[in-house]
Amino acid sequence: MAPDAAQLARGQQIYARCAGCHAIEGHRTGPQHCGLFGRRAGTAPGFDGYSPAMKASGIVWDERTLQRFLKDPPATVPGTSMGYAGVKDDGERAALIAWLRQATQPGSACTLR
């Protein structure tokens, strides 16, 4: 089912929590999210700050893996350097992931660098 405008707006608001370390375009403390879906964890081009645990996780980012990781990053990837406890609310996570899917597609609002 396609997300509606309200869910996407909610997801964008929730993403503000991520913006201290991440951006859609350009690396910050954490890697950029442009091109996130379908990318193997620990492989954003030009980002060198991944933990060995993230590089070795074998995760490929999609709705399922993002649901699991964003709920509890340290439990999903023990040893991750991401110091965020996660998005515990199922509805908030779903809205965030729906917005990320739309916002991170190359050619939408982001350009892979």
PDB file of N, CA and C in Angstrom:
ATOM      1  N   MET A   1       0.834  -1.175   0.000  1.00  0.00           N
ATOM      2  CA  MET A   1       0.000   0.000   0.000  1.00  0.00           C
ATOM      3  C   MET A   1       0.884   1.246   0.000  1.00  0.00           C
ATOM      4  N   ALA A   2       0.593   2.176  -0.878  1.00  0.00           N
ATOM      5  CA  ALA A   2       1.389   3.392  -1.008  1.00  0.00           C
ATOM      6  C   ALA A   2       1.130   4.310   0.187  1.00  0.00           C
ATOM      7  N   PRO A   3       2.172   4.962   0.669  1.00  0.00           N
ATOM      8  CA  PRO A   3       1.990   5.877   1.795  1.00  0.00           C
ATOM      9  C   PRO A   3       1.197   7.103   1.353  1.00  0.00           C
ATOM     10  N   ASP A   4       0.419   7.665   2.286  1.00  0.00           N
ATOM     11  CA  ASP A   4      -0.319   8.874   1.959  1.00  0.00           C
ATOM     12  C   ASP A   4       0.495  10.102   2.378  1.00  0.00           C
ATOM     13  N   ALA A   5       0.014  11.267   2.013  1.00  0.00           N
ATOM     14  CA  ALA A   5       0.748  12.516   2.274  1.00  0.00           C
ATOM     15  C   ALA A   5       0.974  12.730   3.766  1.00  0.00           C
ATOM     16  N   ALA A   6      -0.008  12.368   4.593  1.00  0.00           N
ATOM     17  CA  ALA A   6       0.144  12.562   6.037  1.00  0.00           C
ATOM     18  C   ALA A   6       1.249  11.674   6.600  1.00  0.00           C
ATOM     19  N   GLN A   7       1.318  10.418   6.146  1.00  0.00           N
ATOM     20  CA  GLN A   7       2.364   9.519   6.621  1.00  0.00           C
ATOM     21  C   GLN A   7       3.739  10.024   6.182  1.00  0.00           C
ATOM     22  N   LEU A   8       3.838  10.498   4.948  1.00  0.00           N
ATOM     23  CA  LEU A   8       5.120  11.017   4.462  1.00  0.00           C
ATOM     24  C   LEU A   8       5.541  12.266   5.235  1.00  0.00           C
ATOM     25  N   ALA A   9       4.593  13.145   5.534  1.00  0.00           N
ATOM     26  CA  ALA A   9       4.909  14.345   6.315  1.00  0.00           C
ATOM     27  C   ALA A   9       5.378  13.957   7.718  1.00  0.00           C
ATOM     28  N   ARG A  10       4.716  12.969   8.302  1.00  0.00           N
ATOM     29  CA  ARG A  10       5.121  12.483   9.625  1.00  0.00           C
ATOM     30  C   ARG A  10       6.523  11.892   9.569  1.00  0.00           C
ATOM     31  N   GLY A  11       6.805  11.118   8.527  1.00  0.00           N
ATOM     32  CA  GLY A  11       8.138  10.548   8.370  1.00  0.00           C
ATOM     33  C   GLY A  11       9.210  11.601   8.247  1.00  0.00           C
ATOM     34  N   GLN A  12       8.915  12.654   7.522  1.00  0.00           N
ATOM     35  CA  GLN A  12       9.887  13.743   7.376  1.00  0.00           C
ATOM     36  C   GLN A  12      10.146  14.417   8.723  1.00  0.00           C
ATOM     37  N   GLN A  13       9.108  14.599   9.516  1.00  0.00           N
ATOM     38  CA  GLN A  13       9.280  15.176  10.854  1.00  0.00           C
ATOM     39  C   GLN A  13      10.138  14.269  11.729  1.00  0.00           C
ATOM     40  N   ILE A  14       9.911  12.982  11.659  1.00  0.00           N
ATOM     41  CA  ILE A  14      10.682  12.027  12.459  1.00  0.00           C
ATOM     42  C   ILE A  14      12.146  12.024  12.010  1.00  0.00           C
ATOM     43  N   TYR A  15      12.375  12.209  10.717  1.00  0.00           N
ATOM     44  CA  TYR A  15      13.746  12.241  10.201  1.00  0.00           C
ATOM     45  C   TYR A  15      14.559  13.371  10.833  1.00  0.00           C
ATOM     46  N   ALA A  16      13.903  14.411  11.317  1.00  0.00           N
ATOM     47  CA  ALA A  16      14.623  15.502  11.983  1.00  0.00           C
ATOM     48  C   ALA A  16      15.468  14.974  13.143  1.00  0.00           C
ATOM     49  N   ARG A  17      15.046  13.873  13.766  1.00  0.00           N
ATOM     50  CA  ARG A  17      15.827  13.249  14.849  1.00  0.00           C
ATOM     51  C   ARG A  17      17.146  12.682  14.314  1.00  0.00           C
ATOM     52  N   CYS A  18      17.154  12.306  13.052  1.00  0.00           N
ATOM     53  CA  CYS A  18      18.323  11.697  12.421  1.00  0.00           C
ATOM     54  C   CYS A  18      19.307  12.751  11.895  1.00  0.00           C
ATOM     55  N   ALA A  19      18.790  13.952  11.670  1.00  0.00           N
ATOM     56  CA  ALA A  19      19.536  14.981  10.943  1.00  0.00           C
ATOM     57  C   ALA A  19      20.768  15.507  11.677  1.00  0.00           C
ATOM     58  N   GLY A  20      20.903  15.223  12.954  1.00  0.00           N
ATOM     59  CA  GLY A  20      22.119  15.619  13.655  1.00  0.00           C
ATOM     60  C   GLY A  20      23.334  14.850  13.153  1.00  0.00           C
ATOM     61  N   CYS A  21      23.105  13.648  12.654  1.00  0.00           N
ATOM     62  CA  CYS A  21      24.209  12.795  12.195  1.00  0.00           C
ATOM     63  C   CYS A  21      24.116  12.406  10.726  1.00  0.00           C
ATOM     64  N   HIS A  22      22.920  12.470  10.138  1.00  0.00           N
ATOM     65  CA  HIS A  22      22.705  12.025   8.761  1.00  0.00           C
ATOM     66  C   HIS A  22      22.056  13.132   7.931  1.00  0.00           C
ATOM     67  N   ALA A  23      22.206  13.033   6.635  1.00  0.00           N
ATOM     68  CA  ALA A  23      21.504  13.887   5.679  1.00  0.00           C
ATOM     69  C   ALA A  23      21.138  13.011   4.491  1.00  0.00           C
ATOM     70  N   ILE A  24      20.179  13.466   3.716  1.00  0.00           N
ATOM     71  CA  ILE A  24      19.861  12.731   2.500  1.00  0.00           C
ATOM     72  C   ILE A  24      21.056  12.801   1.563  1.00  0.00           C
ATOM     73  N   GLU A  25      21.574  14.004   1.363  1.00  0.00           N
ATOM     74  CA  GLU A  25      22.752  14.173   0.510  1.00  0.00           C
ATOM     75  C   GLU A  25      23.920  14.649   1.359  1.00  0.00           C
ATOM     76  N   GLY A  26      25.058  14.064   1.176  1.00  0.00           N
ATOM     77  CA  GLY A  26      26.280  14.473   1.871  1.00  0.00           C
ATOM     78  C   GLY A  26      26.432  13.774   3.209  1.00  0.00           C
ATOM     79  N   HIS A  27      27.639  13.374   3.494  1.00  0.00           N
ATOM     80  CA  HIS A  27      27.945  12.685   4.742  1.00  0.00           C
ATOM     81  C   HIS A  27      28.085  13.687   5.879  1.00  0.00           C
ATOM     82  N   ARG A  28      27.704  13.272   7.030  1.00  0.00           N
ATOM     83  CA  ARG A  28      27.923  14.003   8.278  1.00  0.00           C
ATOM     84  C   ARG A  28      28.684  13.026   9.178  1.00  0.00           C
ATOM     85  N   THR A  29      28.365  13.002  10.446  1.00  0.00           N
ATOM     86  CA  THR A  29      28.955  12.008  11.337  1.00  0.00           C
ATOM     87  C   THR A  29      28.606  10.608  10.852  1.00  0.00           C
ATOM     88  N   GLY A  30      27.398  10.470  10.318  1.00  0.00           N
ATOM     89  CA  GLY A  30      26.935   9.225   9.716  1.00  0.00           C
ATOM     90  C   GLY A  30      26.843   9.386   8.209  1.00  0.00           C
ATOM     91  N   PRO A  31      26.660   8.290   7.488  1.00  0.00           N
ATOM     92  CA  PRO A  31      26.627   8.346   6.028  1.00  0.00           C
ATOM     93  C   PRO A  31      25.343   8.987   5.491  1.00  0.00           C
ATOM     94  N   GLN A  32      25.442   9.498   4.261  1.00  0.00           N
ATOM     95  CA  GLN A  32      24.250  10.036   3.602  1.00  0.00           C
ATOM     96  C   GLN A  32      23.255   8.911   3.354  1.00  0.00           C
ATOM     97  N   HIS A  33      22.001   9.285   3.218  1.00  0.00           N
ATOM     98  CA  HIS A  33      20.959   8.289   2.987  1.00  0.00           C
ATOM     99  C   HIS A  33      20.546   8.176   1.527  1.00  0.00           C
ATOM    100  N   CYS A  34      21.004   9.063   0.669  1.00  0.00           N
ATOM    101  CA  CYS A  34      20.687   8.968  -0.753  1.00  0.00           C
ATOM    102  C   CYS A  34      21.124   7.588  -1.260  1.00  0.00           C
ATOM    103  N   GLY A  35      20.234   6.896  -1.964  1.00  0.00           N
ATOM    104  CA  GLY A  35      20.558   5.562  -2.471  1.00  0.00           C
ATOM    105  C   GLY A  35      20.526   4.464  -1.428  1.00  0.00           C
ATOM    106  N   LEU A  36      19.883   4.728  -0.294  1.00  0.00           N
ATOM    107  CA  LEU A  36      19.887   3.783   0.824  1.00  0.00           C
ATOM    108  C   LEU A  36      19.284   2.420   0.475  1.00  0.00           C
ATOM    109  N   PHE A  37      18.108   2.412  -0.152  1.00  0.00           N
ATOM    110  CA  PHE A  37      17.411   1.149  -0.399  1.00  0.00           C
ATOM    111  C   PHE A  37      18.152   0.317  -1.438  1.00  0.00           C
ATOM    112  N   GLY A  38      18.437  -0.914  -1.066  1.00  0.00           N
ATOM    113  CA  GLY A  38      19.175  -1.817  -1.931  1.00  0.00           C
ATOM    114  C   GLY A  38      20.682  -1.760  -1.735  1.00  0.00           C
ATOM    115  N   ARG A  39      21.160  -0.822  -0.921  1.00  0.00           N
ATOM    116  CA  ARG A  39      22.602  -0.707  -0.663  1.00  0.00           C
ATOM    117  C   ARG A  39      22.978  -1.619   0.494  1.00  0.00           C
ATOM    118  N   ARG A  40      24.118  -2.246   0.377  1.00  0.00           N
ATOM    119  CA  ARG A  40      24.650  -3.085   1.445  1.00  0.00           C
ATOM    120  C   ARG A  40      25.152  -2.182   2.572  1.00  0.00           C
ATOM    121  N   ALA A  41      24.821  -2.515   3.802  1.00  0.00           N
ATOM    122  CA  ALA A  41      25.249  -1.742   4.970  1.00  0.00           C
ATOM    123  C   ALA A  41      26.773  -1.607   4.985  1.00  0.00           C
ATOM    124  N   GLY A  42      27.225  -0.437   5.332  1.00  0.00           N
ATOM    125  CA  GLY A  42      28.662  -0.197   5.444  1.00  0.00           C
ATOM    126  C   GLY A  42      29.348   0.119   4.129  1.00  0.00           C
ATOM    127  N   THR A  43      28.575   0.507   3.098  1.00  0.00           N
ATOM    128  CA  THR A  43      29.188   0.710   1.783  1.00  0.00           C
ATOM    129  C   THR A  43      28.837   2.031   1.107  1.00  0.00           C
ATOM    130  N   ALA A  44      28.325   3.022   1.822  1.00  0.00           N
ATOM    131  CA  ALA A  44      28.031   4.302   1.172  1.00  0.00           C
ATOM    132  C   ALA A  44      29.328   4.879   0.608  1.00  0.00           C
ATOM    133  N   PRO A  45      29.354   5.174  -0.680  1.00  0.00           N
ATOM    134  CA  PRO A  45      30.579   5.679  -1.307  1.00  0.00           C
ATOM    135  C   PRO A  45      31.091   6.944  -0.610  1.00  0.00           C
ATOM    136  N   GLY A  46      32.370   6.928  -0.289  1.00  0.00           N
ATOM    137  CA  GLY A  46      33.014   8.094   0.299  1.00  0.00           C
ATOM    138  C   GLY A  46      32.854   8.245   1.799  1.00  0.00           C
ATOM    139  N   PHE A  47      32.180   7.318   2.461  1.00  0.00           N
ATOM    140  CA  PHE A  47      32.033   7.394   3.908  1.00  0.00           C
ATOM    141  C   PHE A  47      32.954   6.380   4.563  1.00  0.00           C
ATOM    142  N   ASP A  48      33.839   6.870   5.437  1.00  0.00           N
ATOM    143  CA  ASP A  48      34.849   6.011   6.058  1.00  0.00           C
ATOM    144  C   ASP A  48      34.595   5.720   7.538  1.00  0.00           C
ATOM    145  N   GLY A  49      33.460   6.169   8.075  1.00  0.00           N
ATOM    146  CA  GLY A  49      33.234   6.064   9.511  1.00  0.00           C
ATOM    147  C   GLY A  49      32.474   4.848   9.981  1.00  0.00           C
ATOM    148  N   TYR A  50      32.326   3.842   9.134  1.00  0.00           N
ATOM    149  CA  TYR A  50      31.585   2.652   9.542  1.00  0.00           C
ATOM    150  C   TYR A  50      32.356   1.823  10.555  1.00  0.00           C
ATOM    151  N   SER A  51      31.610   1.237  11.490  1.00  0.00           N
ATOM    152  CA  SER A  51      32.219   0.298  12.427  1.00  0.00           C
ATOM    153  C   SER A  51      32.492  -1.010  11.694  1.00  0.00           C
ATOM    154  N   PRO A  52      33.471  -1.776  12.166  1.00  0.00           N
ATOM    155  CA  PRO A  52      33.686  -3.107  11.587  1.00  0.00           C
ATOM    156  C   PRO A  52      32.413  -3.959  11.645  1.00  0.00           C
ATOM    157  N   ALA A  53      31.627  -3.805  12.714  1.00  0.00           N
ATOM    158  CA  ALA A  53      30.402  -4.590  12.854  1.00  0.00           C
ATOM    159  C   ALA A  53      29.411  -4.268  11.736  1.00  0.00           C
ATOM    160  N   MET A  54      29.270  -2.991  11.395  1.00  0.00           N
ATOM    161  CA  MET A  54      28.332  -2.624  10.329  1.00  0.00           C
ATOM    162  C   MET A  54      28.830  -3.150   8.987  1.00  0.00           C
ATOM    163  N   LYS A  55      30.111  -3.019   8.739  1.00  0.00           N
ATOM    164  CA  LYS A  55      30.670  -3.512   7.476  1.00  0.00           C
ATOM    165  C   LYS A  55      30.471  -5.021   7.322  1.00  0.00           C
ATOM    166  N   ALA A  56      30.531  -5.741   8.433  1.00  0.00           N
ATOM    167  CA  ALA A  56      30.439  -7.203   8.405  1.00  0.00           C
ATOM    168  C   ALA A  56      29.004  -7.713   8.595  1.00  0.00           C
ATOM    169  N   SER A  57      28.044  -6.817   8.752  1.00  0.00           N
ATOM    170  CA  SER A  57      26.686  -7.228   9.104  1.00  0.00           C
ATOM    171  C   SER A  57      25.966  -8.025   8.018  1.00  0.00           C
ATOM    172  N   GLY A  58      26.323  -7.807   6.770  1.00  0.00           N
ATOM    173  CA  GLY A  58      25.645  -8.497   5.678  1.00  0.00           C
ATOM    174  C   GLY A  58      24.259  -7.956   5.358  1.00  0.00           C
ATOM    175  N   ILE A  59      23.866  -6.879   6.016  1.00  0.00           N
ATOM    176  CA  ILE A  59      22.540  -6.293   5.810  1.00  0.00           C
ATOM    177  C   ILE A  59      22.485  -5.589   4.462  1.00  0.00           C
ATOM    178  N   VAL A  60      21.376  -5.769   3.771  1.00  0.00           N
ATOM    179  CA  VAL A  60      21.041  -4.970   2.588  1.00  0.00           C
ATOM    180  C   VAL A  60      19.788  -4.202   2.977  1.00  0.00           C
ATOM    181  N   TRP A  61      19.821  -2.891   2.845  1.00  0.00           N
ATOM    182  CA  TRP A  61      18.750  -2.048   3.343  1.00  0.00           C
ATOM    183  C   TRP A  61      17.490  -2.150   2.488  1.00  0.00           C
ATOM    184  N   ASP A  62      16.404  -2.527   3.155  1.00  0.00           N
ATOM    185  CA  ASP A  62      15.057  -2.538   2.578  1.00  0.00           C
ATOM    186  C   ASP A  62      14.100  -2.274   3.742  1.00  0.00           C
ATOM    187  N   GLU A  63      12.800  -2.320   3.493  1.00  0.00           N
ATOM    188  CA  GLU A  63      11.833  -2.030   4.554  1.00  0.00           C
ATOM    189  C   GLU A  63      12.010  -2.963   5.750  1.00  0.00           C
ATOM    190  N   ARG A  64      12.199  -4.229   5.486  1.00  0.00           N
ATOM    191  CA  ARG A  64      12.321  -5.219   6.571  1.00  0.00           C
ATOM    192  C   ARG A  64      13.564  -4.977   7.424  1.00  0.00           C
ATOM    193  N   THR A  65      14.708  -4.793   6.774  1.00  0.00           N
ATOM    194  CA  THR A  65      15.944  -4.610   7.539  1.00  0.00           C
ATOM    195  C   THR A  65      15.959  -3.260   8.251  1.00  0.00           C
ATOM    196  N   LEU A  66      15.374  -2.237   7.630  1.00  0.00           N
ATOM    197  CA  LEU A  66      15.292  -0.945   8.307  1.00  0.00           C
ATOM    198  C   LEU A  66      14.358  -1.005   9.510  1.00  0.00           C
ATOM    199  N   GLN A  67      13.241  -1.736   9.377  1.00  0.00           N
ATOM    200  CA  GLN A  67      12.333  -1.907  10.524  1.00  0.00           C
ATOM    201  C   GLN A  67      13.100  -2.497  11.711  1.00  0.00           C
ATOM    202  N   ARG A  68      13.836  -3.548  11.452  1.00  0.00           N
ATOM    203  CA  ARG A  68      14.574  -4.233  12.527  1.00  0.00           C
ATOM    204  C   ARG A  68      15.676  -3.342  13.099  1.00  0.00           C
ATOM    205  N   PHE A  69      16.472  -2.729  12.224  1.00  0.00           N
ATOM    206  CA  PHE A  69      17.594  -1.921  12.681  1.00  0.00           C
ATOM    207  C   PHE A  69      17.124  -0.669  13.412  1.00  0.00           C
ATOM    208  N   LEU A  70      16.167   0.041  12.840  1.00  0.00           N
ATOM    209  CA  LEU A  70      15.726   1.299  13.451  1.00  0.00           C
ATOM    210  C   LEU A  70      14.987   1.085  14.761  1.00  0.00           C
ATOM    211  N   LYS A  71      14.439  -0.101  14.980  1.00  0.00           N
ATOM    212  CA  LYS A  71      13.793  -0.399  16.255  1.00  0.00           C
ATOM    213  C   LYS A  71      14.836  -0.495  17.370  1.00  0.00           C
ATOM    214  N   ASP A  72      15.975  -1.105  17.082  1.00  0.00           N
ATOM    215  CA  ASP A  72      17.006  -1.303  18.110  1.00  0.00           C
ATOM    216  C   ASP A  72      18.359  -1.510  17.441  1.00  0.00           C
ATOM    217  N   PRO A  73      19.031  -0.394  17.056  1.00  0.00           N
ATOM    218  CA  PRO A  73      20.307  -0.526  16.343  1.00  0.00           C
ATOM    219  C   PRO A  73      21.352  -1.378  17.066  1.00  0.00           C
ATOM    220  N   PRO A  74      21.594  -1.155  18.380  1.00  0.00           N
ATOM    221  CA  PRO A  74      22.645  -1.947  19.031  1.00  0.00           C
ATOM    222  C   PRO A  74      22.350  -3.444  19.096  1.00  0.00           C
ATOM    223  N   ALA A  75      21.078  -3.818  19.188  1.00  0.00           N
ATOM    224  CA  ALA A  75      20.741  -5.247  19.222  1.00  0.00           C
ATOM    225  C   ALA A  75      20.826  -5.871  17.840  1.00  0.00           C
ATOM    226  N   THR A  76      20.520  -5.082  16.810  1.00  0.00           N
ATOM    227  CA  THR A  76      20.539  -5.601  15.444  1.00  0.00           C
ATOM    228  C   THR A  76      21.959  -5.751  14.925  1.00  0.00           C
ATOM    229  N   VAL A  77      22.802  -4.762  15.225  1.00  0.00           N
ATOM    230  CA  VAL A  77      24.218  -4.815  14.817  1.00  0.00           C
ATOM    231  C   VAL A  77      25.067  -4.527  16.053  1.00  0.00           C
ATOM    232  N   PRO A  78      25.301  -5.550  16.881  1.00  0.00           N
ATOM    233  CA  PRO A  78      26.150  -5.339  18.059  1.00  0.00           C
ATOM    234  C   PRO A  78      27.516  -4.793  17.628  1.00  0.00           C
ATOM    235  N   GLY A  79      27.920  -3.715  18.269  1.00  0.00           N
ATOM    236  CA  GLY A  79      29.189  -3.091  17.917  1.00  0.00           C
ATOM    237  C   GLY A  79      29.039  -1.940  16.941  1.00  0.00           C
ATOM    238  N   THR A  80      27.795  -1.621  16.532  1.00  0.00           N
ATOM    239  CA  THR A  80      27.605  -0.480  15.646  1.00  0.00           C
ATOM    240  C   THR A  80      28.083   0.792  16.334  1.00  0.00           C
ATOM    241  N   SER A  81      28.558   1.724  15.555  1.00  0.00           N
ATOM    242  CA  SER A  81      28.981   3.000  16.128  1.00  0.00           C
ATOM    243  C   SER A  81      27.823   3.994  16.173  1.00  0.00           C
ATOM    244  N   MET A  82      26.651   3.583  15.683  1.00  0.00           N
ATOM    245  CA  MET A  82      25.496   4.464  15.740  1.00  0.00           C
ATOM    246  C   MET A  82      24.998   4.525  17.166  1.00  0.00           C
ATOM    247  N   GLY A  83      25.128   5.669  17.790  1.00  0.00           N
ATOM    248  CA  GLY A  83      24.766   5.836  19.189  1.00  0.00           C
ATOM    249  C   GLY A  83      23.345   6.332  19.367  1.00  0.00           C
ATOM    250  N   TYR A  84      22.390   5.684  18.747  1.00  0.00           N
ATOM    251  CA  TYR A  84      20.982   6.072  18.838  1.00  0.00           C
ATOM    252  C   TYR A  84      20.201   4.862  19.299  1.00  0.00           C
ATOM    253  N   ALA A  85      19.333   5.050  20.272  1.00  0.00           N
ATOM    254  CA  ALA A  85      18.607   3.923  20.858  1.00  0.00           C
ATOM    255  C   ALA A  85      17.539   3.350  19.934  1.00  0.00           C
ATOM    256  N   GLY A  86      17.104   4.104  18.942  1.00  0.00           N
ATOM    257  CA  GLY A  86      16.136   3.592  17.982  1.00  0.00           C
ATOM    258  C   GLY A  86      14.801   4.296  18.039  1.00  0.00           C
ATOM    259  N   VAL A  87      13.952   3.960  17.088  1.00  0.00           N
ATOM    260  CA  VAL A  87      12.592   4.484  16.996  1.00  0.00           C
ATOM    261  C   VAL A  87      11.694   3.350  17.470  1.00  0.00           C
ATOM    262  N   LYS A  88      11.227   3.427  18.683  1.00  0.00           N
ATOM    263  CA  LYS A  88      10.502   2.313  19.307  1.00  0.00           C
ATOM    264  C   LYS A  88       9.063   2.188  18.815  1.00  0.00           C
ATOM    265  N   ASP A  89       8.421   3.293  18.453  1.00  0.00           N
ATOM    266  CA  ASP A  89       7.028   3.274  18.032  1.00  0.00           C
ATOM    267  C   ASP A  89       6.898   2.718  16.611  1.00  0.00           C
ATOM    268  N   ASP A  90       6.081   1.669  16.460  1.00  0.00           N
ATOM    269  CA  ASP A  90       5.929   1.014  15.156  1.00  0.00           C
ATOM    270  C   ASP A  90       5.415   1.975  14.083  1.00  0.00           C
ATOM    271  N   GLY A  91       4.457   2.815  14.421  1.00  0.00           N
ATOM    272  CA  GLY A  91       3.906   3.767  13.461  1.00  0.00           C
ATOM    273  C   GLY A  91       4.916   4.809  13.033  1.00  0.00           C
ATOM    274  N   GLU A  92       5.711   5.287  13.976  1.00  0.00           N
ATOM    275  CA  GLU A  92       6.760   6.253  13.645  1.00  0.00           C
ATOM    276  C   GLU A  92       7.797   5.624  12.728  1.00  0.00           C
ATOM    277  N   ARG A  93       8.196   4.389  13.032  1.00  0.00           N
ATOM    278  CA  ARG A  93       9.173   3.700  12.175  1.00  0.00           C
ATOM    279  C   ARG A  93       8.632   3.516  10.773  1.00  0.00           C
ATOM    280  N   ALA A  94       7.380   3.111  10.663  1.00  0.00           N
ATOM    281  CA  ALA A  94       6.770   2.911   9.344  1.00  0.00           C
ATOM    282  C   ALA A  94       6.722   4.219   8.558  1.00  0.00           C
ATOM    283  N   ALA A  95       6.364   5.306   9.220  1.00  0.00           N
ATOM    284  CA  ALA A  95       6.314   6.609   8.550  1.00  0.00           C
ATOM    285  C   ALA A  95       7.705   7.043   8.117  1.00  0.00           C
ATOM    286  N   LEU A  96       8.688   6.859   8.985  1.00  0.00           N
ATOM    287  CA  LEU A  96      10.065   7.228   8.653  1.00  0.00           C
ATOM    288  C   LEU A  96      10.564   6.434   7.453  1.00  0.00           C
ATOM    289  N   ILE A  97      10.320   5.150   7.448  1.00  0.00           N
ATOM    290  CA  ILE A  97      10.792   4.304   6.343  1.00  0.00           C
ATOM    291  C   ILE A  97      10.081   4.652   5.047  1.00  0.00           C
ATOM    292  N   ALA A  98       8.786   4.941   5.111  1.00  0.00           N
ATOM    293  CA  ALA A  98       8.055   5.350   3.906  1.00  0.00           C
ATOM    294  C   ALA A  98       8.643   6.639   3.341  1.00  0.00           C
ATOM    295  N   TRP A  99       8.928   7.589   4.218  1.00  0.00           N
ATOM    296  CA  TRP A  99       9.506   8.857   3.764  1.00  0.00           C
ATOM    297  C   TRP A  99      10.921   8.640   3.218  1.00  0.00           C
ATOM    298  N   LEU A 100      11.716   7.832   3.909  1.00  0.00           N
ATOM    299  CA  LEU A 100      13.072   7.549   3.429  1.00  0.00           C
ATOM    300  C   LEU A 100      13.048   6.910   2.045  1.00  0.00           C
ATOM    301  N   ARG A 101      12.124   5.973   1.824  1.00  0.00           N
ATOM    302  CA  ARG A 101      12.036   5.317   0.520  1.00  0.00           C
ATOM    303  C   ARG A 101      11.823   6.356  -0.576  1.00  0.00           C
ATOM    304  N   GLN A 102      10.937   7.299  -0.324  1.00  0.00           N
ATOM    305  CA  GLN A 102      10.646   8.327  -1.321  1.00  0.00           C
ATOM    306  C   GLN A 102      11.810   9.321  -1.460  1.00  0.00           C
ATOM    307  N   ALA A 103      12.365   9.760  -0.348  1.00  0.00           N
ATOM    308  CA  ALA A 103      13.362  10.834  -0.350  1.00  0.00           C
ATOM    309  C   ALA A 103      14.754  10.394  -0.784  1.00  0.00           C
ATOM    310  N   THR A 104      15.028   9.100  -0.733  1.00  0.00           N
ATOM    311  CA  THR A 104      16.400   8.646  -0.983  1.00  0.00           C
ATOM    312  C   THR A 104      16.612   8.004  -2.345  1.00  0.00           C
ATOM    313  N   GLN A 105      15.589   7.976  -3.150  1.00  0.00           N
ATOM    314  CA  GLN A 105      15.736   7.395  -4.485  1.00  0.00           C
ATOM    315  C   GLN A 105      16.585   8.318  -5.348  1.00  0.00           C
ATOM    316  N   PRO A 106      17.636   7.814  -5.951  1.00  0.00           N
ATOM    317  CA  PRO A 106      18.418   8.651  -6.857  1.00  0.00           C
ATOM    318  C   PRO A 106      17.502   9.225  -7.936  1.00  0.00           C
ATOM    319  N   GLY A 107      17.667  10.504  -8.174  1.00  0.00           N
ATOM    320  CA  GLY A 107      16.838  11.172  -9.170  1.00  0.00           C
ATOM    321  C   GLY A 107      15.644  11.863  -8.553  1.00  0.00           C
ATOM    322  N   SER A 108      15.298  11.553  -7.291  1.00  0.00           N
ATOM    323  CA  SER A 108      14.197  12.276  -6.643  1.00  0.00           C
ATOM    324  C   SER A 108      14.773  13.585  -6.133  1.00  0.00           C
ATOM    325  N   ALA A 109      15.002  13.657  -4.848  1.00  0.00           N
ATOM    326  CA  ALA A 109      15.592  14.861  -4.274  1.00  0.00           C
ATOM    327  C   ALA A 109      17.080  14.672  -4.004  1.00  0.00           C
ATOM    328  N   CYS A 110      17.602  13.498  -4.298  1.00  0.00           N
ATOM    329  CA  CYS A 110      19.000  13.250  -3.947  1.00  0.00           C
ATOM    330  C   CYS A 110      19.831  12.863  -5.177  1.00  0.00           C
ATOM    331  N   THR A 111      21.098  13.130  -5.039  1.00  0.00           N
ATOM    332  CA  THR A 111      22.059  12.802  -6.080  1.00  0.00           C
ATOM    333  C   THR A 111      23.202  12.040  -5.425  1.00  0.00           C
ATOM    334  N   LEU A 112      23.446  10.845  -5.868  1.00  0.00           N
ATOM    335  CA  LEU A 112      24.552  10.065  -5.303  1.00  0.00           C
ATOM    336  C   LEU A 112      25.868  10.775  -5.553  1.00  0.00           C
ATOM    337  N   ARG A 113      26.695  10.832  -4.500  1.00  0.00           N
ATOM    338  CA  ARG A 113      28.008  11.475  -4.606  1.00  0.00           C
ATOM    339  C   ARG A 113      29.084  10.463  -4.294  1.00  0.00           C
TER     340      ARG A 113
END
